Amino acid sequence: MTDAEKKPCCATEPAEKDTAPSCCRHKDRTPEEYRALANRLSRIEGQVRGIRAMLDKDVYCADILVQVAAVNAALNGFSKELLGQHIRTCVADDLRAGGTQKLDELLQLLPRLMK
């Protein structure tokens, strides 16, 4: 991804006071962090395309569902990797700086991740 593609779009005003457009929240990842996440997503994309091909070929339902379960597991793996990166970087940096905003945000996010 080029630097121009990574540039945040903070040219818009927040809709509400004390909130920023989601496009203004960004994370500068190391090349290794980016590569690990991008590789996982590429594999997941391939799996989803495979499921579509199975559907197009009228493959038996149970066989498709096995592949859907594999995609769900892969997405969970992606989420765990991203969550780990978030805790090690964003949350830890905020705590070291004396803040608790990222920790509070994480505590609100965890119930959604655990559904």
PDB file of N, CA and C in Angstrom:
ATOM      1  N   MET A   1       0.858  -1.169   0.000  1.00  0.00           N
ATOM      2  CA  MET A   1       0.000   0.000   0.000  1.00  0.00           C
ATOM      3  C   MET A   1       0.905   1.233   0.000  1.00  0.00           C
ATOM      4  N   THR A   2       0.600   2.185  -0.835  1.00  0.00           N
ATOM      5  CA  THR A   2       1.405   3.398  -0.915  1.00  0.00           C
ATOM      6  C   THR A   2       1.069   4.340   0.228  1.00  0.00           C
ATOM      7  N   ASP A   3       1.983   5.300   0.486  1.00  0.00           N
ATOM      8  CA  ASP A   3       1.733   6.286   1.538  1.00  0.00           C
ATOM      9  C   ASP A   3       0.484   7.107   1.238  1.00  0.00           C
ATOM     10  N   ALA A   4       0.237   7.405  -0.036  1.00  0.00           N
ATOM     11  CA  ALA A   4      -0.949   8.184  -0.412  1.00  0.00           C
ATOM     12  C   ALA A   4      -2.227   7.422  -0.074  1.00  0.00           C
ATOM     13  N   GLU A   5      -2.209   6.091  -0.251  1.00  0.00           N
ATOM     14  CA  GLU A   5      -3.385   5.279   0.070  1.00  0.00           C
ATOM     15  C   GLU A   5      -3.614   5.187   1.572  1.00  0.00           C
ATOM     16  N   LYS A   6      -2.543   5.299   2.363  1.00  0.00           N
ATOM     17  CA  LYS A   6      -2.644   5.204   3.812  1.00  0.00           C
ATOM     18  C   LYS A   6      -3.023   6.524   4.465  1.00  0.00           C
ATOM     19  N   LYS A   7      -2.966   7.630   3.717  1.00  0.00           N
ATOM     20  CA  LYS A   7      -3.196   8.952   4.285  1.00  0.00           C
ATOM     21  C   LYS A   7      -4.621   9.057   4.830  1.00  0.00           C
ATOM     22  N   PRO A   8      -4.757   9.487   6.107  1.00  0.00           N
ATOM     23  CA  PRO A   8      -6.103   9.606   6.672  1.00  0.00           C
ATOM     24  C   PRO A   8      -6.891  10.731   6.021  1.00  0.00           C
ATOM     25  N   CYS A   9      -8.206  10.604   6.056  1.00  0.00           N
ATOM     26  CA  CYS A   9      -9.077  11.598   5.422  1.00  0.00           C
ATOM     27  C   CYS A   9      -9.686  12.503   6.480  1.00  0.00           C
ATOM     28  N   CYS A  10      -8.885  13.290   7.141  1.00  0.00           N
ATOM     29  CA  CYS A  10      -9.357  14.124   8.257  1.00  0.00           C
ATOM     30  C   CYS A  10      -9.795  15.507   7.805  1.00  0.00           C
ATOM     31  N   ALA A  11     -10.214  15.634   6.580  1.00  0.00           N
ATOM     32  CA  ALA A  11     -10.619  16.947   6.071  1.00  0.00           C
ATOM     33  C   ALA A  11     -12.046  17.302   6.458  1.00  0.00           C
ATOM     34  N   THR A  12     -12.789  16.343   6.985  1.00  0.00           N
ATOM     35  CA  THR A  12     -14.186  16.606   7.333  1.00  0.00           C
ATOM     36  C   THR A  12     -14.308  16.913   8.816  1.00  0.00           C
ATOM     37  N   GLU A  13     -15.312  17.667   9.148  1.00  0.00           N
ATOM     38  CA  GLU A  13     -15.581  18.001  10.548  1.00  0.00           C
ATOM     39  C   GLU A  13     -16.353  16.856  11.198  1.00  0.00           C
ATOM     40  N   PRO A  14     -16.116  16.598  12.479  1.00  0.00           N
ATOM     41  CA  PRO A  14     -16.885  15.559  13.167  1.00  0.00           C
ATOM     42  C   PRO A  14     -18.362  15.902  13.194  1.00  0.00           C
ATOM     43  N   ALA A  15     -19.200  14.885  13.111  1.00  0.00           N
ATOM     44  CA  ALA A  15     -20.647  15.092  13.135  1.00  0.00           C
ATOM     45  C   ALA A  15     -21.110  15.516  14.526  1.00  0.00           C
ATOM     46  N   GLU A  16     -20.448  15.003  15.551  1.00  0.00           N
ATOM     47  CA  GLU A  16     -20.810  15.334  16.925  1.00  0.00           C
ATOM     48  C   GLU A  16     -19.577  15.839  17.654  1.00  0.00           C
ATOM     49  N   LYS A  17     -19.820  16.642  18.679  1.00  0.00           N
ATOM     50  CA  LYS A  17     -18.717  17.148  19.480  1.00  0.00           C
ATOM     51  C   LYS A  17     -17.982  15.982  20.136  1.00  0.00           C
ATOM     52  N   ASP A  18     -16.679  16.089  20.228  1.00  0.00           N
ATOM     53  CA  ASP A  18     -15.821  15.097  20.874  1.00  0.00           C
ATOM     54  C   ASP A  18     -15.784  13.758  20.147  1.00  0.00           C
ATOM     55  N   THR A  19     -16.202  13.727  18.893  1.00  0.00           N
ATOM     56  CA  THR A  19     -16.051  12.508  18.107  1.00  0.00           C
ATOM     57  C   THR A  19     -15.335  12.870  16.823  1.00  0.00           C
ATOM     58  N   ALA A  20     -14.642  11.922  16.293  1.00  0.00           N
ATOM     59  CA  ALA A  20     -13.947  12.129  15.027  1.00  0.00           C
ATOM     60  C   ALA A  20     -14.527  11.168  14.009  1.00  0.00           C
ATOM     61  N   PRO A  21     -14.539  11.566  12.740  1.00  0.00           N
ATOM     62  CA  PRO A  21     -14.974  10.613  11.718  1.00  0.00           C
ATOM     63  C   PRO A  21     -14.094   9.372  11.798  1.00  0.00           C
ATOM     64  N   SER A  22     -14.671   8.218  11.570  1.00  0.00           N
ATOM     65  CA  SER A  22     -13.895   6.985  11.701  1.00  0.00           C
ATOM     66  C   SER A  22     -12.693   6.975  10.771  1.00  0.00           C
ATOM     67  N   CYS A  23     -12.764   7.715   9.681  1.00  0.00           N
ATOM     68  CA  CYS A  23     -11.628   7.734   8.766  1.00  0.00           C
ATOM     69  C   CYS A  23     -10.448   8.503   9.355  1.00  0.00           C
ATOM     70  N   CYS A  24     -10.659   9.272  10.409  1.00  0.00           N
ATOM     71  CA  CYS A  24      -9.563  10.016  11.031  1.00  0.00           C
ATOM     72  C   CYS A  24      -8.793   9.156  12.017  1.00  0.00           C
ATOM     73  N   ARG A  25      -9.377   8.081  12.446  1.00  0.00           N
ATOM     74  CA  ARG A  25      -8.687   7.192  13.374  1.00  0.00           C
ATOM     75  C   ARG A  25      -7.853   6.237  12.543  1.00  0.00           C
ATOM     76  N   HIS A  26      -6.562   6.298  12.709  1.00  0.00           N
ATOM     77  CA  HIS A  26      -5.701   5.426  11.920  1.00  0.00           C
ATOM     78  C   HIS A  26      -4.575   4.894  12.783  1.00  0.00           C
ATOM     79  N   LYS A  27      -3.910   3.866  12.289  1.00  0.00           N
ATOM     80  CA  LYS A  27      -2.822   3.200  12.993  1.00  0.00           C
ATOM     81  C   LYS A  27      -1.698   2.992  12.011  1.00  0.00           C
ATOM     82  N   ASP A  28      -0.549   3.523  12.338  1.00  0.00           N
ATOM     83  CA  ASP A  28       0.635   3.279  11.521  1.00  0.00           C
ATOM     84  C   ASP A  28       1.211   1.932  11.933  1.00  0.00           C
ATOM     85  N   ARG A  29       1.099   0.948  11.055  1.00  0.00           N
ATOM     86  CA  ARG A  29       1.591  -0.393  11.347  1.00  0.00           C
ATOM     87  C   ARG A  29       2.987  -0.576  10.772  1.00  0.00           C
ATOM     88  N   THR A  30       3.762  -1.425  11.435  1.00  0.00           N
ATOM     89  CA  THR A  30       5.061  -1.783  10.889  1.00  0.00           C
ATOM     90  C   THR A  30       4.819  -2.630   9.639  1.00  0.00           C
ATOM     91  N   PRO A  31       5.805  -2.726   8.770  1.00  0.00           N
ATOM     92  CA  PRO A  31       5.627  -3.587   7.592  1.00  0.00           C
ATOM     93  C   PRO A  31       5.296  -5.032   7.984  1.00  0.00           C
ATOM     94  N   GLU A  32       5.879  -5.510   9.082  1.00  0.00           N
ATOM     95  CA  GLU A  32       5.608  -6.877   9.528  1.00  0.00           C
ATOM     96  C   GLU A  32       4.163  -7.026  10.001  1.00  0.00           C
ATOM     97  N   GLU A  33       3.678  -6.048  10.765  1.00  0.00           N
ATOM     98  CA  GLU A  33       2.287  -6.093  11.231  1.00  0.00           C
ATOM     99  C   GLU A  33       1.334  -6.078  10.041  1.00  0.00           C
ATOM    100  N   TYR A  34       1.595  -5.173   9.108  1.00  0.00           N
ATOM    101  CA  TYR A  34       0.740  -5.055   7.925  1.00  0.00           C
ATOM    102  C   TYR A  34       0.748  -6.360   7.127  1.00  0.00           C
ATOM    103  N   ARG A  35       1.933  -6.905   6.906  1.00  0.00           N
ATOM    104  CA  ARG A  35       2.063  -8.115   6.095  1.00  0.00           C
ATOM    105  C   ARG A  35       1.322  -9.288   6.749  1.00  0.00           C
ATOM    106  N   ALA A  36       1.451  -9.429   8.068  1.00  0.00           N
ATOM    107  CA  ALA A  36       0.777 -10.534   8.765  1.00  0.00           C
ATOM    108  C   ALA A  36      -0.737 -10.441   8.598  1.00  0.00           C
ATOM    109  N   LEU A  37      -1.276  -9.242   8.763  1.00  0.00           N
ATOM    110  CA  LEU A  37      -2.727  -9.065   8.628  1.00  0.00           C
ATOM    111  C   LEU A  37      -3.174  -9.209   7.176  1.00  0.00           C
ATOM    112  N   ALA A  38      -2.436  -8.599   6.257  1.00  0.00           N
ATOM    113  CA  ALA A  38      -2.808  -8.657   4.841  1.00  0.00           C
ATOM    114  C   ALA A  38      -2.761 -10.095   4.323  1.00  0.00           C
ATOM    115  N   ASN A  39      -1.760 -10.864   4.745  1.00  0.00           N
ATOM    116  CA  ASN A  39      -1.671 -12.262   4.313  1.00  0.00           C
ATOM    117  C   ASN A  39      -2.858 -13.072   4.813  1.00  0.00           C
ATOM    118  N   ARG A  40      -3.242 -12.847   6.061  1.00  0.00           N
ATOM    119  CA  ARG A  40      -4.408 -13.553   6.598  1.00  0.00           C
ATOM    120  C   ARG A  40      -5.663 -13.212   5.789  1.00  0.00           C
ATOM    121  N   LEU A  41      -5.842 -11.914   5.501  1.00  0.00           N
ATOM    122  CA  LEU A  41      -7.027 -11.507   4.735  1.00  0.00           C
ATOM    123  C   LEU A  41      -7.009 -12.070   3.320  1.00  0.00           C
ATOM    124  N   SER A  42      -5.844 -12.144   2.716  1.00  0.00           N
ATOM    125  CA  SER A  42      -5.755 -12.717   1.367  1.00  0.00           C
ATOM    126  C   SER A  42      -6.189 -14.178   1.373  1.00  0.00           C
ATOM    127  N   ARG A  43      -5.754 -14.918   2.389  1.00  0.00           N
ATOM    128  CA  ARG A  43      -6.170 -16.323   2.487  1.00  0.00           C
ATOM    129  C   ARG A  43      -7.681 -16.421   2.690  1.00  0.00           C
ATOM    130  N   ILE A  44      -8.216 -15.545   3.535  1.00  0.00           N
ATOM    131  CA  ILE A  44      -9.666 -15.554   3.790  1.00  0.00           C
ATOM    132  C   ILE A  44     -10.431 -15.219   2.514  1.00  0.00           C
ATOM    133  N   GLU A  45      -9.937 -14.232   1.767  1.00  0.00           N
ATOM    134  CA  GLU A  45     -10.586 -13.882   0.489  1.00  0.00           C
ATOM    135  C   GLU A  45     -10.612 -15.085  -0.439  1.00  0.00           C
ATOM    136  N   GLY A  46      -9.511 -15.812  -0.502  1.00  0.00           N
ATOM    137  CA  GLY A  46      -9.456 -17.006  -1.337  1.00  0.00           C
ATOM    138  C   GLY A  46     -10.441 -18.067  -0.883  1.00  0.00           C
ATOM    139  N   GLN A  47     -10.556 -18.226   0.437  1.00  0.00           N
ATOM    140  CA  GLN A  47     -11.514 -19.195   0.969  1.00  0.00           C
ATOM    141  C   GLN A  47     -12.948 -18.803   0.609  1.00  0.00           C
ATOM    142  N   VAL A  48     -13.267 -17.526   0.722  1.00  0.00           N
ATOM    143  CA  VAL A  48     -14.624 -17.066   0.402  1.00  0.00           C
ATOM    144  C   VAL A  48     -14.905 -17.256  -1.086  1.00  0.00           C
ATOM    145  N   ARG A  49     -13.925 -16.957  -1.929  1.00  0.00           N
ATOM    146  CA  ARG A  49     -14.113 -17.198  -3.368  1.00  0.00           C
ATOM    147  C   ARG A  49     -14.332 -18.687  -3.636  1.00  0.00           C
ATOM    148  N   GLY A  50     -13.633 -19.525  -2.887  1.00  0.00           N
ATOM    149  CA  GLY A  50     -13.824 -20.969  -3.023  1.00  0.00           C
ATOM    150  C   GLY A  50     -15.232 -21.397  -2.645  1.00  0.00           C
ATOM    151  N   ILE A  51     -15.768 -20.785  -1.602  1.00  0.00           N
ATOM    152  CA  ILE A  51     -17.149 -21.084  -1.201  1.00  0.00           C
ATOM    153  C   ILE A  51     -18.115 -20.664  -2.295  1.00  0.00           C
ATOM    154  N   ARG A  52     -17.873 -19.506  -2.885  1.00  0.00           N
ATOM    155  CA  ARG A  52     -18.737 -19.046  -3.982  1.00  0.00           C
ATOM    156  C   ARG A  52     -18.685 -20.028  -5.148  1.00  0.00           C
ATOM    157  N   ALA A  53     -17.489 -20.515  -5.449  1.00  0.00           N
ATOM    158  CA  ALA A  53     -17.352 -21.485  -6.540  1.00  0.00           C
ATOM    159  C   ALA A  53     -18.098 -22.778  -6.204  1.00  0.00           C
ATOM    160  N   MET A  54     -18.035 -23.189  -4.947  1.00  0.00           N
ATOM    161  CA  MET A  54     -18.775 -24.383  -4.529  1.00  0.00           C
ATOM    162  C   MET A  54     -20.275 -24.180  -4.720  1.00  0.00           C
ATOM    163  N   LEU A  55     -20.755 -23.006  -4.352  1.00  0.00           N
ATOM    164  CA  LEU A  55     -22.174 -22.692  -4.520  1.00  0.00           C
ATOM    165  C   LEU A  55     -22.550 -22.710  -5.998  1.00  0.00           C
ATOM    166  N   ASP A  56     -21.705 -22.104  -6.827  1.00  0.00           N
ATOM    167  CA  ASP A  56     -21.959 -22.074  -8.273  1.00  0.00           C
ATOM    168  C   ASP A  56     -22.013 -23.476  -8.871  1.00  0.00           C
ATOM    169  N   LYS A  57     -21.265 -24.418  -8.273  1.00  0.00           N
ATOM    170  CA  LYS A  57     -21.217 -25.789  -8.777  1.00  0.00           C
ATOM    171  C   LYS A  57     -22.230 -26.701  -8.085  1.00  0.00           C
ATOM    172  N   ASP A  58     -23.133 -26.098  -7.302  1.00  0.00           N
ATOM    173  CA  ASP A  58     -24.161 -26.873  -6.600  1.00  0.00           C
ATOM    174  C   ASP A  58     -23.575 -27.970  -5.707  1.00  0.00           C
ATOM    175  N   VAL A  59     -22.496 -27.640  -5.017  1.00  0.00           N
ATOM    176  CA  VAL A  59     -21.878 -28.591  -4.090  1.00  0.00           C
ATOM    177  C   VAL A  59     -22.825 -28.826  -2.915  1.00  0.00           C
ATOM    178  N   TYR A  60     -22.758 -30.001  -2.347  1.00  0.00           N
ATOM    179  CA  TYR A  60     -23.609 -30.414  -1.228  1.00  0.00           C
ATOM    180  C   TYR A  60     -23.475 -29.429  -0.058  1.00  0.00           C
ATOM    181  N   CYS A  61     -24.615 -29.114   0.560  1.00  0.00           N
ATOM    182  CA  CYS A  61     -24.694 -28.094   1.626  1.00  0.00           C
ATOM    183  C   CYS A  61     -23.680 -28.318   2.740  1.00  0.00           C
ATOM    184  N   ALA A  62     -23.608 -29.540   3.242  1.00  0.00           N
ATOM    185  CA  ALA A  62     -22.720 -29.822   4.369  1.00  0.00           C
ATOM    186  C   ALA A  62     -21.260 -29.551   4.006  1.00  0.00           C
ATOM    187  N   ASP A  63     -20.892 -29.840   2.767  1.00  0.00           N
ATOM    188  CA  ASP A  63     -19.518 -29.586   2.330  1.00  0.00           C
ATOM    189  C   ASP A  63     -19.218 -28.088   2.300  1.00  0.00           C
ATOM    190  N   ILE A  64     -20.196 -27.304   1.884  1.00  0.00           N
ATOM    191  CA  ILE A  64     -20.028 -25.847   1.881  1.00  0.00           C
ATOM    192  C   ILE A  64     -19.929 -25.340   3.319  1.00  0.00           C
ATOM    193  N   LEU A  65     -20.775 -25.876   4.194  1.00  0.00           N
ATOM    194  CA  LEU A  65     -20.767 -25.437   5.590  1.00  0.00           C
ATOM    195  C   LEU A  65     -19.436 -25.714   6.278  1.00  0.00           C
ATOM    196  N   VAL A  66     -18.779 -26.796   5.908  1.00  0.00           N
ATOM    197  CA  VAL A  66     -17.445 -27.076   6.453  1.00  0.00           C
ATOM    198  C   VAL A  66     -16.489 -25.950   6.073  1.00  0.00           C
ATOM    199  N   GLN A  67     -16.584 -25.495   4.833  1.00  0.00           N
ATOM    200  CA  GLN A  67     -15.715 -24.400   4.386  1.00  0.00           C
ATOM    201  C   GLN A  67     -16.097 -23.074   5.049  1.00  0.00           C
ATOM    202  N   VAL A  68     -17.384 -22.862   5.281  1.00  0.00           N
ATOM    203  CA  VAL A  68     -17.829 -21.657   5.992  1.00  0.00           C
ATOM    204  C   VAL A  68     -17.247 -21.656   7.404  1.00  0.00           C
ATOM    205  N   ALA A  69     -17.244 -22.810   8.054  1.00  0.00           N
ATOM    206  CA  ALA A  69     -16.658 -22.913   9.394  1.00  0.00           C
ATOM    207  C   ALA A  69     -15.167 -22.584   9.356  1.00  0.00           C
ATOM    208  N   ALA A  70     -14.494 -23.010   8.305  1.00  0.00           N
ATOM    209  CA  ALA A  70     -13.070 -22.707   8.167  1.00  0.00           C
ATOM    210  C   ALA A  70     -12.842 -21.205   8.009  1.00  0.00           C
ATOM    211  N   VAL A  71     -13.714 -20.542   7.251  1.00  0.00           N
ATOM    212  CA  VAL A  71     -13.604 -19.087   7.081  1.00  0.00           C
ATOM    213  C   VAL A  71     -13.859 -18.382   8.408  1.00  0.00           C
ATOM    214  N   ASN A  72     -14.867 -18.842   9.143  1.00  0.00           N
ATOM    215  CA  ASN A  72     -15.136 -18.248  10.456  1.00  0.00           C
ATOM    216  C   ASN A  72     -13.928 -18.391  11.376  1.00  0.00           C
ATOM    217  N   ALA A  73     -13.299 -19.553  11.369  1.00  0.00           N
ATOM    218  CA  ALA A  73     -12.109 -19.764  12.192  1.00  0.00           C
ATOM    219  C   ALA A  73     -10.970 -18.848  11.740  1.00  0.00           C
ATOM    220  N   ALA A  74     -10.824 -18.686  10.439  1.00  0.00           N
ATOM    221  CA  ALA A  74      -9.778 -17.805   9.916  1.00  0.00           C
ATOM    222  C   ALA A  74     -10.040 -16.352  10.301  1.00  0.00           C
ATOM    223  N   LEU A  75     -11.293 -15.925  10.245  1.00  0.00           N
ATOM    224  CA  LEU A  75     -11.639 -14.560  10.668  1.00  0.00           C
ATOM    225  C   LEU A  75     -11.384 -14.368  12.160  1.00  0.00           C
ATOM    226  N   ASN A  76     -11.677 -15.390  12.955  1.00  0.00           N
ATOM    227  CA  ASN A  76     -11.370 -15.308  14.380  1.00  0.00           C
ATOM    228  C   ASN A  76      -9.869 -15.188  14.611  1.00  0.00           C
ATOM    229  N   GLY A  77      -9.089 -15.909  13.827  1.00  0.00           N
ATOM    230  CA  GLY A  77      -7.634 -15.799  13.918  1.00  0.00           C
ATOM    231  C   GLY A  77      -7.155 -14.406  13.557  1.00  0.00           C
ATOM    232  N   PHE A  78      -7.747 -13.832  12.518  1.00  0.00           N
ATOM    233  CA  PHE A  78      -7.418 -12.457  12.125  1.00  0.00           C
ATOM    234  C   PHE A  78      -7.757 -11.499  13.260  1.00  0.00           C
ATOM    235  N   SER A  79      -8.938 -11.671  13.848  1.00  0.00           N
ATOM    236  CA  SER A  79      -9.363 -10.802  14.953  1.00  0.00           C
ATOM    237  C   SER A  79      -8.409 -10.908  16.134  1.00  0.00           C
ATOM    238  N   LYS A  80      -7.990 -12.122  16.473  1.00  0.00           N
ATOM    239  CA  LYS A  80      -7.058 -12.310  17.586  1.00  0.00           C
ATOM    240  C   LYS A  80      -5.726 -11.628  17.303  1.00  0.00           C
ATOM    241  N   GLU A  81      -5.236 -11.769  16.096  1.00  0.00           N
ATOM    242  CA  GLU A  81      -3.973 -11.119  15.716  1.00  0.00           C
ATOM    243  C   GLU A  81      -4.099  -9.607  15.818  1.00  0.00           C
ATOM    244  N   LEU A  82      -5.169  -9.059  15.269  1.00  0.00           N
ATOM    245  CA  LEU A  82      -5.380  -7.613  15.297  1.00  0.00           C
ATOM    246  C   LEU A  82      -5.585  -7.119  16.727  1.00  0.00           C
ATOM    247  N   LEU A  83      -6.328  -7.870  17.522  1.00  0.00           N
ATOM    248  CA  LEU A  83      -6.542  -7.496  18.921  1.00  0.00           C
ATOM    249  C   LEU A  83      -5.220  -7.484  19.683  1.00  0.00           C
ATOM    250  N   GLY A  84      -4.400  -8.484  19.459  1.00  0.00           N
ATOM    251  CA  GLY A  84      -3.089  -8.527  20.107  1.00  0.00           C
ATOM    252  C   GLY A  84      -2.235  -7.330  19.730  1.00  0.00           C
ATOM    253  N   GLN A  85      -2.215  -6.999  18.446  1.00  0.00           N
ATOM    254  CA  GLN A  85      -1.467  -5.818  18.002  1.00  0.00           C
ATOM    255  C   GLN A  85      -2.020  -4.559  18.655  1.00  0.00           C
ATOM    256  N   HIS A  86      -3.334  -4.455  18.730  1.00  0.00           N
ATOM    257  CA  HIS A  86      -3.976  -3.272  19.311  1.00  0.00           C
ATOM    258  C   HIS A  86      -3.586  -3.110  20.782  1.00  0.00           C
ATOM    259  N   ILE A  87      -3.619  -4.208  21.518  1.00  0.00           N
ATOM    260  CA  ILE A  87      -3.272  -4.143  22.941  1.00  0.00           C
ATOM    261  C   ILE A  87      -1.795  -3.802  23.120  1.00  0.00           C
ATOM    262  N   ARG A  88      -0.915  -4.467  22.341  1.00  0.00           N
ATOM    263  CA  ARG A  88       0.525  -4.234  22.481  1.00  0.00           C
ATOM    264  C   ARG A  88       0.945  -2.832  22.071  1.00  0.00           C
ATOM    265  N   THR A  89       0.195  -2.210  21.179  1.00  0.00           N
ATOM    266  CA  THR A  89       0.616  -0.897  20.683  1.00  0.00           C
ATOM    267  C   THR A  89      -0.308   0.207  21.169  1.00  0.00           C
ATOM    268  N   CYS A  90      -1.476   0.301  20.623  1.00  0.00           N
ATOM    269  CA  CYS A  90      -2.385   1.424  20.910  1.00  0.00           C
ATOM    270  C   CYS A  90      -2.722   1.536  22.391  1.00  0.00           C
ATOM    271  N   VAL A  91      -3.172   0.434  22.981  1.00  0.00           N
ATOM    272  CA  VAL A  91      -3.594   0.470  24.384  1.00  0.00           C
ATOM    273  C   VAL A  91      -2.389   0.693  25.293  1.00  0.00           C
ATOM    274  N   ALA A  92      -1.317  -0.057  25.060  1.00  0.00           N
ATOM    275  CA  ALA A  92      -0.127   0.076  25.908  1.00  0.00           C
ATOM    276  C   ALA A  92       0.470   1.478  25.822  1.00  0.00           C
ATOM    277  N   ASP A  93       0.549   2.038  24.620  1.00  0.00           N
ATOM    278  CA  ASP A  93       1.096   3.397  24.468  1.00  0.00           C
ATOM    279  C   ASP A  93       0.249   4.416  25.210  1.00  0.00           C
ATOM    280  N   ASP A  94      -1.069   4.280  25.123  1.00  0.00           N
ATOM    281  CA  ASP A  94      -1.969   5.205  25.808  1.00  0.00           C
ATOM    282  C   ASP A  94      -1.801   5.099  27.328  1.00  0.00           C
ATOM    283  N   LEU A  95      -1.691   3.876  27.837  1.00  0.00           N
ATOM    284  CA  LEU A  95      -1.509   3.687  29.279  1.00  0.00           C
ATOM    285  C   LEU A  95      -0.170   4.254  29.749  1.00  0.00           C
ATOM    286  N   ARG A  96       0.894   4.020  28.955  1.00  0.00           N
ATOM    287  CA  ARG A  96       2.208   4.572  29.321  1.00  0.00           C
ATOM    288  C   ARG A  96       2.184   6.090  29.365  1.00  0.00           C
ATOM    289  N   ALA A  97       1.348   6.693  28.520  1.00  0.00           N
ATOM    290  CA  ALA A  97       1.233   8.156  28.486  1.00  0.00           C
ATOM    291  C   ALA A  97       0.285   8.675  29.574  1.00  0.00           C
ATOM    292  N   GLY A  98      -0.258   7.770  30.380  1.00  0.00           N
ATOM    293  CA  GLY A  98      -1.141   8.182  31.464  1.00  0.00           C
ATOM    294  C   GLY A  98      -2.610   8.244  31.093  1.00  0.00           C
ATOM    295  N   GLY A  99      -2.951   7.811  29.895  1.00  0.00           N
ATOM    296  CA  GLY A  99      -4.339   7.846  29.450  1.00  0.00           C
ATOM    297  C   GLY A  99      -5.048   6.532  29.710  1.00  0.00           C
ATOM    298  N   THR A 100      -6.359   6.580  29.629  1.00  0.00           N
ATOM    299  CA  THR A 100      -7.165   5.355  29.760  1.00  0.00           C
ATOM    300  C   THR A 100      -8.204   5.242  28.648  1.00  0.00           C
ATOM    301  N   GLN A 101      -8.192   6.175  27.707  1.00  0.00           N
ATOM    302  CA  GLN A 101      -9.202   6.181  26.646  1.00  0.00           C
ATOM    303  C   GLN A 101      -9.170   4.891  25.829  1.00  0.00           C
ATOM    304  N   LYS A 102      -7.988   4.444  25.443  1.00  0.00           N
ATOM    305  CA  LYS A 102      -7.886   3.230  24.622  1.00  0.00           C
ATOM    306  C   LYS A 102      -8.296   1.993  25.417  1.00  0.00           C
ATOM    307  N   LEU A 103      -7.971   1.970  26.713  1.00  0.00           N
ATOM    308  CA  LEU A 103      -8.391   0.858  27.552  1.00  0.00           C
ATOM    309  C   LEU A 103      -9.909   0.835  27.682  1.00  0.00           C
ATOM    310  N   ASP A 104     -10.504   1.993  27.921  1.00  0.00           N
ATOM    311  CA  ASP A 104     -11.965   2.080  28.012  1.00  0.00           C
ATOM    312  C   ASP A 104     -12.618   1.631  26.709  1.00  0.00           C
ATOM    313  N   GLU A 105     -12.043   2.052  25.593  1.00  0.00           N
ATOM    314  CA  GLU A 105     -12.546   1.655  24.279  1.00  0.00           C
ATOM    315  C   GLU A 105     -12.458   0.136  24.112  1.00  0.00           C
ATOM    316  N   LEU A 106     -11.338  -0.443  24.539  1.00  0.00           N
ATOM    317  CA  LEU A 106     -11.150  -1.888  24.451  1.00  0.00           C
ATOM    318  C   LEU A 106     -12.182  -2.629  25.298  1.00  0.00           C
ATOM    319  N   LEU A 107     -12.432  -2.127  26.489  1.00  0.00           N
ATOM    320  CA  LEU A 107     -13.411  -2.767  27.368  1.00  0.00           C
ATOM    321  C   LEU A 107     -14.816  -2.729  26.777  1.00  0.00           C
ATOM    322  N   GLN A 108     -15.133  -1.698  26.012  1.00  0.00           N
ATOM    323  CA  GLN A 108     -16.426  -1.638  25.325  1.00  0.00           C
ATOM    324  C   GLN A 108     -16.449  -2.569  24.118  1.00  0.00           C
ATOM    325  N   LEU A 109     -15.303  -2.763  23.494  1.00  0.00           N
ATOM    326  CA  LEU A 109     -15.204  -3.592  22.297  1.00  0.00           C
ATOM    327  C   LEU A 109     -15.251  -5.088  22.614  1.00  0.00           C
ATOM    328  N   LEU A 110     -14.660  -5.494  23.724  1.00  0.00           N
ATOM    329  CA  LEU A 110     -14.547  -6.921  24.038  1.00  0.00           C
ATOM    330  C   LEU A 110     -15.871  -7.684  24.012  1.00  0.00           C
ATOM    331  N   PRO A 111     -16.953  -7.166  24.594  1.00  0.00           N
ATOM    332  CA  PRO A 111     -18.212  -7.929  24.506  1.00  0.00           C
ATOM    333  C   PRO A 111     -18.667  -8.174  23.065  1.00  0.00           C
ATOM    334  N   ARG A 112     -18.404  -7.228  22.182  1.00  0.00           N
ATOM    335  CA  ARG A 112     -18.787  -7.419  20.769  1.00  0.00           C
ATOM    336  C   ARG A 112     -17.939  -8.505  20.124  1.00  0.00           C
ATOM    337  N   LEU A 113     -16.679  -8.595  20.528  1.00  0.00           N
ATOM    338  CA  LEU A 113     -15.791  -9.603  19.958  1.00  0.00           C
ATOM    339  C   LEU A 113     -16.090 -10.999  20.487  1.00  0.00           C
ATOM    340  N   MET A 114     -16.705 -11.064  21.655  1.00  0.00           N
ATOM    341  CA  MET A 114     -16.933 -12.356  22.302  1.00  0.00           C
ATOM    342  C   MET A 114     -18.298 -12.954  21.985  1.00  0.00           C
ATOM    343  N   LYS A 115     -19.039 -12.371  21.067  1.00  0.00           N
ATOM    344  CA  LYS A 115     -20.354 -12.913  20.687  1.00  0.00           C
ATOM    345  C   LYS A 115     -20.191 -14.200  19.922  1.00  0.00           C
TER     346      LYS A 115
END
